[in-house]
Amino acid sequence: MNFQLDIIEDKVEFFEALDLKSLESQISKQIEINRSILLSVHSVSHQMHLDDNGRKFYSAVVHFKAKK
């Protein structure tokens, strides 16, 4: 039986929330989880959108890369 482990080098994750505090909390939790598999934040992109009723909606994309 062959057992092979592959190292994750890149990982992109998407987040969404109705307020910035929730969005930041989600991202912070995922940073800690990814740190345990030796990934660090490479870049973050975020946007805010207003719906038809004027409510704000926040989203973010976080690119994680392997620590070298």
N, C-alpha and C. Protein backbone atom coordinates (compact mmCIF):
# COMPACT_ATOMS: atom_id res chain seq x y z
N MET A 1 0.84 -1.18 0.00
CA MET A 1 0.00 0.00 0.00
C MET A 1 0.88 1.24 0.00
N ASN A 2 0.68 2.10 -0.96
CA ASN A 2 1.44 3.35 -1.04
C ASN A 2 0.66 4.47 -0.39
N PHE A 3 1.37 5.25 0.39
CA PHE A 3 0.75 6.40 1.06
C PHE A 3 1.56 7.63 0.70
N GLN A 4 0.92 8.60 0.07
CA GLN A 4 1.63 9.78 -0.40
C GLN A 4 0.93 11.03 0.10
N LEU A 5 1.72 11.95 0.64
CA LEU A 5 1.19 13.24 1.09
C LEU A 5 1.61 14.33 0.12
N ASP A 6 0.66 15.15 -0.28
CA ASP A 6 0.96 16.30 -1.12
C ASP A 6 0.84 17.56 -0.29
N ILE A 7 1.76 18.47 -0.50
CA ILE A 7 1.74 19.73 0.23
C ILE A 7 0.87 20.73 -0.52
N ILE A 8 -0.03 21.37 0.22
CA ILE A 8 -0.86 22.42 -0.37
C ILE A 8 0.01 23.67 -0.47
N GLU A 9 0.16 24.19 -1.69
CA GLU A 9 1.00 25.37 -1.88
C GLU A 9 0.18 26.64 -2.02
N ASP A 10 -1.00 26.55 -2.60
CA ASP A 10 -1.88 27.69 -2.78
C ASP A 10 -3.30 27.30 -2.40
N LYS A 11 -3.99 28.24 -1.80
CA LYS A 11 -5.38 28.01 -1.42
C LYS A 11 -6.10 29.36 -1.46
N VAL A 12 -7.25 29.41 -2.11
CA VAL A 12 -8.04 30.63 -2.19
C VAL A 12 -9.37 30.35 -1.50
N GLU A 13 -9.75 31.25 -0.58
CA GLU A 13 -11.01 31.08 0.14
C GLU A 13 -11.85 32.34 0.03
N PHE A 14 -13.16 32.14 0.02
CA PHE A 14 -14.12 33.23 -0.14
C PHE A 14 -14.94 33.37 1.14
N PHE A 15 -15.21 34.60 1.53
CA PHE A 15 -15.96 34.88 2.75
C PHE A 15 -17.02 35.93 2.45
N GLU A 16 -18.14 35.87 3.19
CA GLU A 16 -19.18 36.88 3.06
C GLU A 16 -19.88 37.07 4.39
N ALA A 17 -20.34 38.31 4.63
CA ALA A 17 -21.00 38.63 5.89
C ALA A 17 -21.83 39.90 5.72
N LEU A 18 -22.70 40.13 6.68
CA LEU A 18 -23.54 41.33 6.65
C LEU A 18 -22.91 42.52 7.35
N ASP A 19 -21.81 42.27 8.09
CA ASP A 19 -21.08 43.38 8.73
C ASP A 19 -19.59 43.07 8.75
N LEU A 20 -18.79 44.12 8.88
CA LEU A 20 -17.33 43.97 8.83
C LEU A 20 -16.78 43.14 9.98
N LYS A 21 -17.37 43.28 11.16
CA LYS A 21 -16.88 42.55 12.32
C LYS A 21 -17.01 41.03 12.10
N SER A 22 -18.13 40.61 11.56
CA SER A 22 -18.33 39.18 11.27
C SER A 22 -17.36 38.69 10.20
N LEU A 23 -17.18 39.51 9.18
CA LEU A 23 -16.25 39.14 8.11
C LEU A 23 -14.83 39.00 8.65
N GLU A 24 -14.42 39.95 9.46
CA GLU A 24 -13.08 39.89 10.05
C GLU A 24 -12.93 38.67 10.94
N SER A 25 -13.96 38.34 11.68
CA SER A 25 -13.92 37.17 12.56
C SER A 25 -13.77 35.88 11.75
N GLN A 26 -14.53 35.75 10.68
CA GLN A 26 -14.43 34.56 9.82
C GLN A 26 -13.02 34.41 9.25
N ILE A 27 -12.48 35.51 8.77
CA ILE A 27 -11.14 35.47 8.17
C ILE A 27 -10.09 35.13 9.22
N SER A 28 -10.19 35.72 10.39
CA SER A 28 -9.22 35.45 11.46
C SER A 28 -9.23 33.99 11.87
N LYS A 29 -10.41 33.40 11.98
CA LYS A 29 -10.51 31.98 12.33
C LYS A 29 -9.84 31.11 11.27
N GLN A 30 -10.08 31.45 10.01
CA GLN A 30 -9.50 30.65 8.93
C GLN A 30 -7.99 30.84 8.83
N ILE A 31 -7.50 32.01 9.16
CA ILE A 31 -6.05 32.24 9.18
C ILE A 31 -5.40 31.30 10.19
N GLU A 32 -6.00 31.16 11.37
CA GLU A 32 -5.46 30.27 12.40
C GLU A 32 -5.48 28.81 11.94
N ILE A 33 -6.56 28.41 11.31
CA ILE A 33 -6.66 27.03 10.81
C ILE A 33 -5.59 26.78 9.75
N ASN A 34 -5.44 27.72 8.82
CA ASN A 34 -4.47 27.53 7.74
C ASN A 34 -3.03 27.64 8.23
N ARG A 35 -2.83 28.38 9.30
CA ARG A 35 -1.49 28.46 9.87
C ARG A 35 -1.02 27.09 10.34
N SER A 36 -1.95 26.28 10.82
CA SER A 36 -1.59 24.94 11.30
C SER A 36 -1.15 24.02 10.17
N ILE A 37 -1.54 24.33 8.92
CA ILE A 37 -1.05 23.55 7.78
C ILE A 37 -0.01 24.34 6.98
N LEU A 38 0.64 25.27 7.67
CA LEU A 38 1.78 26.03 7.15
C LEU A 38 1.45 26.92 5.96
N LEU A 39 0.25 27.50 5.97
CA LEU A 39 -0.12 28.47 4.94
C LEU A 39 -0.21 29.84 5.58
N SER A 40 0.25 30.84 4.87
CA SER A 40 0.14 32.22 5.36
C SER A 40 -0.60 33.07 4.32
N VAL A 41 -1.09 34.21 4.75
CA VAL A 41 -1.85 35.09 3.86
C VAL A 41 -0.91 35.72 2.85
N HIS A 42 -1.26 35.57 1.59
CA HIS A 42 -0.50 36.19 0.51
C HIS A 42 -1.16 37.50 0.07
N SER A 43 -2.49 37.48 -0.06
CA SER A 43 -3.20 38.70 -0.44
C SER A 43 -4.66 38.61 0.00
N VAL A 44 -5.27 39.78 0.14
CA VAL A 44 -6.68 39.89 0.51
C VAL A 44 -7.33 40.91 -0.41
N SER A 45 -8.50 40.56 -0.92
CA SER A 45 -9.29 41.47 -1.74
C SER A 45 -10.69 41.51 -1.13
N HIS A 46 -11.27 42.69 -1.03
CA HIS A 46 -12.59 42.77 -0.42
C HIS A 46 -13.47 43.76 -1.15
N GLN A 47 -14.77 43.60 -0.97
CA GLN A 47 -15.74 44.48 -1.60
C GLN A 47 -16.92 44.69 -0.67
N MET A 48 -17.62 45.83 -0.88
CA MET A 48 -18.85 46.12 -0.17
C MET A 48 -19.91 46.40 -1.23
N HIS A 49 -21.08 45.82 -1.03
CA HIS A 49 -22.17 45.97 -1.99
C HIS A 49 -23.42 46.43 -1.25
N LEU A 50 -24.18 47.31 -1.85
CA LEU A 50 -25.47 47.72 -1.31
C LEU A 50 -26.57 47.02 -2.08
N ASP A 51 -27.50 46.39 -1.36
CA ASP A 51 -28.62 45.76 -2.06
C ASP A 51 -29.70 46.80 -2.36
N ASP A 52 -30.81 46.35 -2.91
CA ASP A 52 -31.88 47.27 -3.31
C ASP A 52 -32.49 48.03 -2.13
N ASN A 53 -32.38 47.47 -0.93
CA ASN A 53 -32.93 48.12 0.27
C ASN A 53 -31.91 48.98 1.00
N GLY A 54 -30.70 49.09 0.45
CA GLY A 54 -29.67 49.91 1.07
C GLY A 54 -28.85 49.20 2.13
N ARG A 55 -29.07 47.90 2.30
CA ARG A 55 -28.28 47.14 3.29
C ARG A 55 -26.91 46.82 2.71
N LYS A 56 -25.92 46.87 3.57
CA LYS A 56 -24.55 46.58 3.14
C LYS A 56 -24.28 45.08 3.20
N PHE A 57 -23.50 44.61 2.24
CA PHE A 57 -23.10 43.21 2.16
C PHE A 57 -21.60 43.20 1.85
N TYR A 58 -20.83 42.51 2.69
CA TYR A 58 -19.37 42.50 2.56
C TYR A 58 -18.90 41.13 2.09
N SER A 59 -17.88 41.13 1.25
CA SER A 59 -17.27 39.88 0.81
C SER A 59 -15.76 40.07 0.72
N ALA A 60 -15.05 38.95 0.81
CA ALA A 60 -13.59 39.00 0.73
C ALA A 60 -13.07 37.71 0.12
N VAL A 61 -11.93 37.84 -0.55
CA VAL A 61 -11.20 36.69 -1.09
C VAL A 61 -9.82 36.74 -0.48
N VAL A 62 -9.41 35.64 0.13
CA VAL A 62 -8.09 35.56 0.77
C VAL A 62 -7.29 34.47 0.07
N HIS A 63 -6.09 34.86 -0.40
CA HIS A 63 -5.19 33.92 -1.06
C HIS A 63 -4.12 33.52 -0.04
N PHE A 64 -4.07 32.23 0.25
CA PHE A 64 -3.06 31.69 1.17
C PHE A 64 -1.98 31.00 0.36
N LYS A 65 -0.72 31.14 0.81
CA LYS A 65 0.40 30.47 0.15
C LYS A 65 1.24 29.74 1.20
N ALA A 66 1.93 28.72 0.75
CA ALA A 66 2.79 27.96 1.64
C ALA A 66 3.97 28.80 2.10
N LYS A 67 4.31 28.66 3.37
CA LYS A 67 5.49 29.35 3.90
C LYS A 67 6.73 28.68 3.36
N LYS A 68 7.68 29.49 2.94
CA LYS A 68 8.93 28.92 2.41
C LYS A 68 10.10 29.34 3.24
